């Protein structure tokens, strides 16, 4: 889930949309997302993407936005 899931997160997809794309349960996506938030000590997806990329959070803009 990690590589494909992170790409989907950066596109601004919801957990259900990511699950459909990766052919896994949406609960699996939610569990992995929660684990990543905890690991990086962040509270939202923008902060997670920022922490994972090294790019300041205010410069993170989802592809579809």
PDB file of N, CA and C in Angstrom:
ATOM      1  N   UNK A   1       0.833  -1.200   0.000  1.00  0.00           N
ATOM      2  CA  UNK A   1       0.000   0.000   0.000  1.00  0.00           C
ATOM      3  C   UNK A   1       0.863   1.243   0.000  1.00  0.00           C
ATOM      4  N   UNK A   2       2.043   1.167   0.562  1.00  0.00           N
ATOM      5  CA  UNK A   2       2.795   2.387   0.808  1.00  0.00           C
ATOM      6  C   UNK A   2       3.036   3.225  -0.439  1.00  0.00           C
ATOM      7  N   UNK A   3       3.725   2.707  -1.444  1.00  0.00           N
ATOM      8  CA  UNK A   3       4.051   3.517  -2.616  1.00  0.00           C
ATOM      9  C   UNK A   3       2.796   3.955  -3.359  1.00  0.00           C
ATOM     10  N   UNK A   4       1.919   3.019  -3.652  1.00  0.00           N
ATOM     11  CA  UNK A   4       0.686   3.356  -4.355  1.00  0.00           C
ATOM     12  C   UNK A   4      -0.233   4.216  -3.516  1.00  0.00           C
ATOM     13  N   UNK A   5      -0.280   3.929  -2.228  1.00  0.00           N
ATOM     14  CA  UNK A   5      -1.139   4.686  -1.329  1.00  0.00           C
ATOM     15  C   UNK A   5      -0.688   6.122  -1.170  1.00  0.00           C
ATOM     16  N   UNK A   6       0.610   6.334  -1.058  1.00  0.00           N
ATOM     17  CA  UNK A   6       1.137   7.701  -0.927  1.00  0.00           C
ATOM     18  C   UNK A   6       0.855   8.490  -2.198  1.00  0.00           C
ATOM     19  N   UNK A   7       1.019   7.847  -3.342  1.00  0.00           N
ATOM     20  CA  UNK A   7       0.703   8.523  -4.603  1.00  0.00           C
ATOM     21  C   UNK A   7      -0.774   8.926  -4.633  1.00  0.00           C
ATOM     22  N   UNK A   8      -1.637   8.031  -4.171  1.00  0.00           N
ATOM     23  CA  UNK A   8      -3.069   8.330  -4.132  1.00  0.00           C
ATOM     24  C   UNK A   8      -3.372   9.457  -3.146  1.00  0.00           C
ATOM     25  N   UNK A   9      -2.689   9.446  -1.993  1.00  0.00           N
ATOM     26  CA  UNK A   9      -2.878  10.526  -1.018  1.00  0.00           C
ATOM     27  C   UNK A   9      -2.505  11.863  -1.629  1.00  0.00           C
ATOM     28  N   UNK A  10      -1.412  11.878  -2.377  1.00  0.00           N
ATOM     29  CA  UNK A  10      -0.957  13.138  -2.977  1.00  0.00           C
ATOM     30  C   UNK A  10      -1.922  13.627  -4.050  1.00  0.00           C
ATOM     31  N   UNK A  11      -2.736  12.712  -4.573  1.00  0.00           N
ATOM     32  CA  UNK A  11      -3.764  13.102  -5.541  1.00  0.00           C
ATOM     33  C   UNK A  11      -5.018  13.616  -4.844  1.00  0.00           C
ATOM     34  N   UNK A  12      -5.056  13.497  -3.522  1.00  0.00           N
ATOM     35  CA  UNK A  12      -6.211  13.978  -2.770  1.00  0.00           C
ATOM     36  C   UNK A  12      -7.371  12.999  -2.726  1.00  0.00           C
ATOM     37  N   UNK A  13      -7.091  11.711  -2.985  1.00  0.00           N
ATOM     38  CA  UNK A  13      -8.152  10.712  -2.973  1.00  0.00           C
ATOM     39  C   UNK A  13      -8.567  10.365  -1.544  1.00  0.00           C
ATOM     40  N   UNK A  14      -9.828   9.960  -1.385  1.00  0.00           N
ATOM     41  CA  UNK A  14     -10.331   9.517  -0.091  1.00  0.00           C
ATOM     42  C   UNK A  14      -9.875   8.079   0.158  1.00  0.00           C
ATOM     43  N   UNK A  15     -10.068   7.604   1.379  1.00  0.00           N
ATOM     44  CA  UNK A  15      -9.713   6.227   1.714  1.00  0.00           C
ATOM     45  C   UNK A  15     -10.473   5.238   0.838  1.00  0.00           C
ATOM     46  N   UNK A  16     -11.744   5.495   0.591  1.00  0.00           N
ATOM     47  CA  UNK A  16     -12.538   4.589  -0.247  1.00  0.00           C
ATOM     48  C   UNK A  16     -12.035   4.587  -1.689  1.00  0.00           C
ATOM     49  N   UNK A  17     -11.673   5.746  -2.202  1.00  0.00           N
ATOM     50  CA  UNK A  17     -11.149   5.823  -3.571  1.00  0.00           C
ATOM     51  C   UNK A  17      -9.805   5.111  -3.687  1.00  0.00           C
ATOM     52  N   UNK A  18      -8.955   5.279  -2.675  1.00  0.00           N
ATOM     53  CA  UNK A  18      -7.659   4.590  -2.660  1.00  0.00           C
ATOM     54  C   UNK A  18      -7.883   3.082  -2.607  1.00  0.00           C
ATOM     55  N   UNK A  19      -8.798   2.643  -1.767  1.00  0.00           N
ATOM     56  CA  UNK A  19      -9.091   1.216  -1.623  1.00  0.00           C
ATOM     57  C   UNK A  19      -9.551   0.619  -2.948  1.00  0.00           C
ATOM     58  N   UNK A  20     -10.431   1.323  -3.646  1.00  0.00           N
ATOM     59  CA  UNK A  20     -10.902   0.834  -4.938  1.00  0.00           C
ATOM     60  C   UNK A  20      -9.750   0.727  -5.932  1.00  0.00           C
ATOM     61  N   UNK A  21      -8.909   1.751  -5.962  1.00  0.00           N
ATOM     62  CA  UNK A  21      -7.792   1.772  -6.906  1.00  0.00           C
ATOM     63  C   UNK A  21      -6.798   0.645  -6.624  1.00  0.00           C
ATOM     64  N   UNK A  22      -6.538   0.369  -5.333  1.00  0.00           N
ATOM     65  CA  UNK A  22      -5.554  -0.649  -4.962  1.00  0.00           C
ATOM     66  C   UNK A  22      -6.176  -2.028  -4.738  1.00  0.00           C
ATOM     67  N   UNK A  23      -7.504  -2.108  -4.874  1.00  0.00           N
ATOM     68  CA  UNK A  23      -8.245  -3.355  -4.684  1.00  0.00           C
ATOM     69  C   UNK A  23      -8.008  -3.953  -3.290  1.00  0.00           C
ATOM     70  N   UNK A  24      -8.172  -3.085  -2.278  1.00  0.00           N
ATOM     71  CA  UNK A  24      -8.075  -3.497  -0.880  1.00  0.00           C
ATOM     72  C   UNK A  24      -9.231  -2.863  -0.115  1.00  0.00           C
ATOM     73  N   UNK A  25      -9.418  -3.268   1.127  1.00  0.00           N
ATOM     74  CA  UNK A  25     -10.485  -2.730   1.970  1.00  0.00           C
ATOM     75  C   UNK A  25     -10.185  -1.275   2.350  1.00  0.00           C
ATOM     76  N   UNK A  26     -11.245  -0.464   2.420  1.00  0.00           N
ATOM     77  CA  UNK A  26     -11.040   0.930   2.840  1.00  0.00           C
ATOM     78  C   UNK A  26     -10.552   0.991   4.287  1.00  0.00           C
ATOM     79  N   UNK A  27     -10.924   0.000   5.097  1.00  0.00           N
ATOM     80  CA  UNK A  27     -10.425  -0.040   6.484  1.00  0.00           C
ATOM     81  C   UNK A  27      -8.916  -0.260   6.506  1.00  0.00           C
ATOM     82  N   UNK A  28      -8.389  -1.054   5.581  1.00  0.00           N
ATOM     83  CA  UNK A  28      -6.950  -1.258   5.485  1.00  0.00           C
ATOM     84  C   UNK A  28      -6.264   0.069   5.193  1.00  0.00           C
ATOM     85  N   UNK A  29      -6.825   0.834   4.287  1.00  0.00           N
ATOM     86  CA  UNK A  29      -6.265   2.151   3.956  1.00  0.00           C
ATOM     87  C   UNK A  29      -6.295   3.044   5.190  1.00  0.00           C
ATOM     88  N   UNK A  30      -7.412   3.056   5.910  1.00  0.00           N
ATOM     89  CA  UNK A  30      -7.536   3.897   7.101  1.00  0.00           C
ATOM     90  C   UNK A  30      -6.538   3.498   8.179  1.00  0.00           C
ATOM     91  N   UNK A  31      -6.316   2.191   8.355  1.00  0.00           N
ATOM     92  CA  UNK A  31      -5.354   1.719   9.350  1.00  0.00           C
ATOM     93  C   UNK A  31      -3.943   2.160   8.973  1.00  0.00           C
ATOM     94  N   UNK A  32      -3.561   1.971   7.713  1.00  0.00           N
ATOM     95  CA  UNK A  32      -2.228   2.380   7.270  1.00  0.00           C
ATOM     96  C   UNK A  32      -2.050   3.899   7.370  1.00  0.00           C
ATOM     97  N   UNK A  33      -3.094   4.629   7.006  1.00  0.00           N
ATOM     98  CA  UNK A  33      -3.026   6.089   7.086  1.00  0.00           C
ATOM     99  C   UNK A  33      -2.819   6.526   8.542  1.00  0.00           C
ATOM    100  N   UNK A  34      -3.571   5.910   9.469  1.00  0.00           N
ATOM    101  CA  UNK A  34      -3.436   6.241  10.889  1.00  0.00           C
ATOM    102  C   UNK A  34      -2.042   5.908  11.403  1.00  0.00           C
ATOM    103  N   UNK A  35      -1.500   4.766  10.972  1.00  0.00           N
ATOM    104  CA  UNK A  35      -0.148   4.385  11.392  1.00  0.00           C
ATOM    105  C   UNK A  35       0.890   5.377  10.882  1.00  0.00           C
ATOM    106  N   UNK A  36       0.726   5.839   9.649  1.00  0.00           N
ATOM    107  CA  UNK A  36       1.667   6.827   9.102  1.00  0.00           C
ATOM    108  C   UNK A  36       1.561   8.157   9.845  1.00  0.00           C
ATOM    109  N   UNK A  37       0.329   8.563  10.152  1.00  0.00           N
ATOM    110  CA  UNK A  37       0.138   9.809  10.922  1.00  0.00           C
ATOM    111  C   UNK A  37       0.852   9.709  12.267  1.00  0.00           C
ATOM    112  N   UNK A  38       0.691   8.554  12.928  1.00  0.00           N
ATOM    113  CA  UNK A  38       1.330   8.362  14.229  1.00  0.00           C
ATOM    114  C   UNK A  38       2.853   8.331  14.092  1.00  0.00           C
ATOM    115  N   UNK A  39       3.348   7.602  13.098  1.00  0.00           N
ATOM    116  CA  UNK A  39       4.796   7.471  12.896  1.00  0.00           C
ATOM    117  C   UNK A  39       5.454   8.824  12.658  1.00  0.00           C
ATOM    118  N   UNK A  40       4.810   9.669  11.871  1.00  0.00           N
ATOM    119  CA  UNK A  40       5.377  10.978  11.555  1.00  0.00           C
ATOM    120  C   UNK A  40       4.931  12.071  12.522  1.00  0.00           C
ATOM    121  N   UNK A  41       4.033  11.724  13.450  1.00  0.00           N
ATOM    122  CA  UNK A  41       3.586  12.685  14.450  1.00  0.00           C
ATOM    123  C   UNK A  41       2.794  13.843  13.870  1.00  0.00           C
ATOM    124  N   UNK A  42       1.926  13.533  12.912  1.00  0.00           N
ATOM    125  CA  UNK A  42       1.140  14.575  12.245  1.00  0.00           C
ATOM    126  C   UNK A  42      -0.350  14.295  12.406  1.00  0.00           C
ATOM    127  N   UNK A  43      -1.164  15.323  12.182  1.00  0.00           N
ATOM    128  CA  UNK A  43      -2.597  15.188  12.415  1.00  0.00           C
ATOM    129  C   UNK A  43      -3.430  15.169  11.129  1.00  0.00           C
ATOM    130  N   UNK A  44      -2.834  15.528   9.990  1.00  0.00           N
ATOM    131  CA  UNK A  44      -3.623  15.559   8.760  1.00  0.00           C
ATOM    132  C   UNK A  44      -2.780  15.126   7.557  1.00  0.00           C
ATOM    133  N   UNK A  45      -3.446  14.933   6.444  1.00  0.00           N
ATOM    134  CA  UNK A  45      -2.780  14.409   5.254  1.00  0.00           C
ATOM    135  C   UNK A  45      -1.753  15.383   4.684  1.00  0.00           C
ATOM    136  N   UNK A  46      -2.054  16.671   4.672  1.00  0.00           N
ATOM    137  CA  UNK A  46      -1.073  17.638   4.167  1.00  0.00           C
ATOM    138  C   UNK A  46       0.210  17.591   4.990  1.00  0.00           C
ATOM    139  N   UNK A  47       0.072  17.521   6.304  1.00  0.00           N
ATOM    140  CA  UNK A  47       1.247  17.437   7.172  1.00  0.00           C
ATOM    141  C   UNK A  47       2.001  16.131   6.934  1.00  0.00           C
ATOM    142  N   UNK A  48       1.268  15.050   6.688  1.00  0.00           N
ATOM    143  CA  UNK A  48       1.898  13.760   6.405  1.00  0.00           C
ATOM    144  C   UNK A  48       2.709  13.835   5.121  1.00  0.00           C
ATOM    145  N   UNK A  49       2.115  14.355   4.062  1.00  0.00           N
ATOM    146  CA  UNK A  49       2.823  14.474   2.784  1.00  0.00           C
ATOM    147  C   UNK A  49       4.041  15.375   2.921  1.00  0.00           C
ATOM    148  N   UNK A  50       3.900  16.433   3.688  1.00  0.00           N
ATOM    149  CA  UNK A  50       5.024  17.338   3.932  1.00  0.00           C
ATOM    150  C   UNK A  50       6.152  16.626   4.655  1.00  0.00           C
ATOM    151  N   UNK A  51       5.812  15.892   5.702  1.00  0.00           N
ATOM    152  CA  UNK A  51       6.816  15.175   6.488  1.00  0.00           C
ATOM    153  C   UNK A  51       7.521  14.114   5.650  1.00  0.00           C
ATOM    154  N   UNK A  52       6.774  13.445   4.796  1.00  0.00           N
ATOM    155  CA  UNK A  52       7.347  12.379   3.983  1.00  0.00           C
ATOM    156  C   UNK A  52       8.205  12.920   2.843  1.00  0.00           C
ATOM    157  N   UNK A  53       7.887  14.106   2.370  1.00  0.00           N
ATOM    158  CA  UNK A  53       8.596  14.647   1.209  1.00  0.00           C
ATOM    159  C   UNK A  53       9.708  15.616   1.572  1.00  0.00           C
ATOM    160  N   UNK A  54       9.625  16.180   2.770  1.00  0.00           N
ATOM    161  CA  UNK A  54      10.596  17.195   3.155  1.00  0.00           C
ATOM    162  C   UNK A  54      10.227  18.578   2.648  1.00  0.00           C
ATOM    163  N   UNK A  55       9.080  18.694   1.990  1.00  0.00           N
ATOM    164  CA  UNK A  55       8.600  19.981   1.479  1.00  0.00           C
ATOM    165  C   UNK A  55       7.760  20.633   2.576  1.00  0.00           C
ATOM    166  N   UNK A  56       7.947  21.924   2.846  1.00  0.00           N
ATOM    167  CA  UNK A  56       7.134  22.591   3.869  1.00  0.00           C
ATOM    168  C   UNK A  56       5.637  22.422   3.603  1.00  0.00           C
ATOM    169  N   UNK A  57       4.883  22.181   4.667  1.00  0.00           N
ATOM    170  CA  UNK A  57       3.447  21.882   4.549  1.00  0.00           C
ATOM    171  C   UNK A  57       2.682  22.920   3.745  1.00  0.00           C
ATOM    172  N   UNK A  58       2.986  24.182   3.906  1.00  0.00           N
ATOM    173  CA  UNK A  58       2.217  25.217   3.211  1.00  0.00           C
ATOM    174  C   UNK A  58       2.401  25.170   1.696  1.00  0.00           C
ATOM    175  N   UNK A  59       3.387  24.427   1.212  1.00  0.00           N
ATOM    176  CA  UNK A  59       3.620  24.322  -0.231  1.00  0.00           C
ATOM    177  C   UNK A  59       3.012  23.067  -0.826  1.00  0.00           C
ATOM    178  N   UNK A  60       2.421  22.196   0.017  1.00  0.00           N
ATOM    179  CA  UNK A  60       1.803  20.956  -0.463  1.00  0.00           C
ATOM    180  C   UNK A  60       0.402  21.293  -0.982  1.00  0.00           C
ATOM    181  N   UNK A  61       0.156  21.001  -2.243  1.00  0.00           N
ATOM    182  CA  UNK A  61      -1.147  21.209  -2.849  1.00  0.00           C
ATOM    183  C   UNK A  61      -1.524  19.922  -3.576  1.00  0.00           C
ATOM    184  N   UNK A  62      -2.640  19.255  -3.163  1.00  0.00           N
ATOM    185  CA  UNK A  62      -3.044  18.037  -3.858  1.00  0.00           C
ATOM    186  C   UNK A  62      -3.231  18.288  -5.353  1.00  0.00           C
ATOM    187  N   UNK A  63      -2.960  17.293  -6.160  1.00  0.00           N
ATOM    188  CA  UNK A  63      -3.008  17.419  -7.611  1.00  0.00           C
ATOM    189  C   UNK A  63      -4.361  17.919  -8.102  1.00  0.00           C
ATOM    190  N   UNK A  64      -5.436  17.427  -7.527  1.00  0.00           N
ATOM    191  CA  UNK A  64      -6.774  17.797  -7.983  1.00  0.00           C
ATOM    192  C   UNK A  64      -7.274  19.146  -7.465  1.00  0.00           C
ATOM    193  N   UNK A  65      -6.493  19.827  -6.645  1.00  0.00           N
ATOM    194  CA  UNK A  65      -6.970  21.084  -6.038  1.00  0.00           C
ATOM    195  C   UNK A  65      -6.782  22.272  -6.955  1.00  0.00           C
TER     196      UNK A  65
END
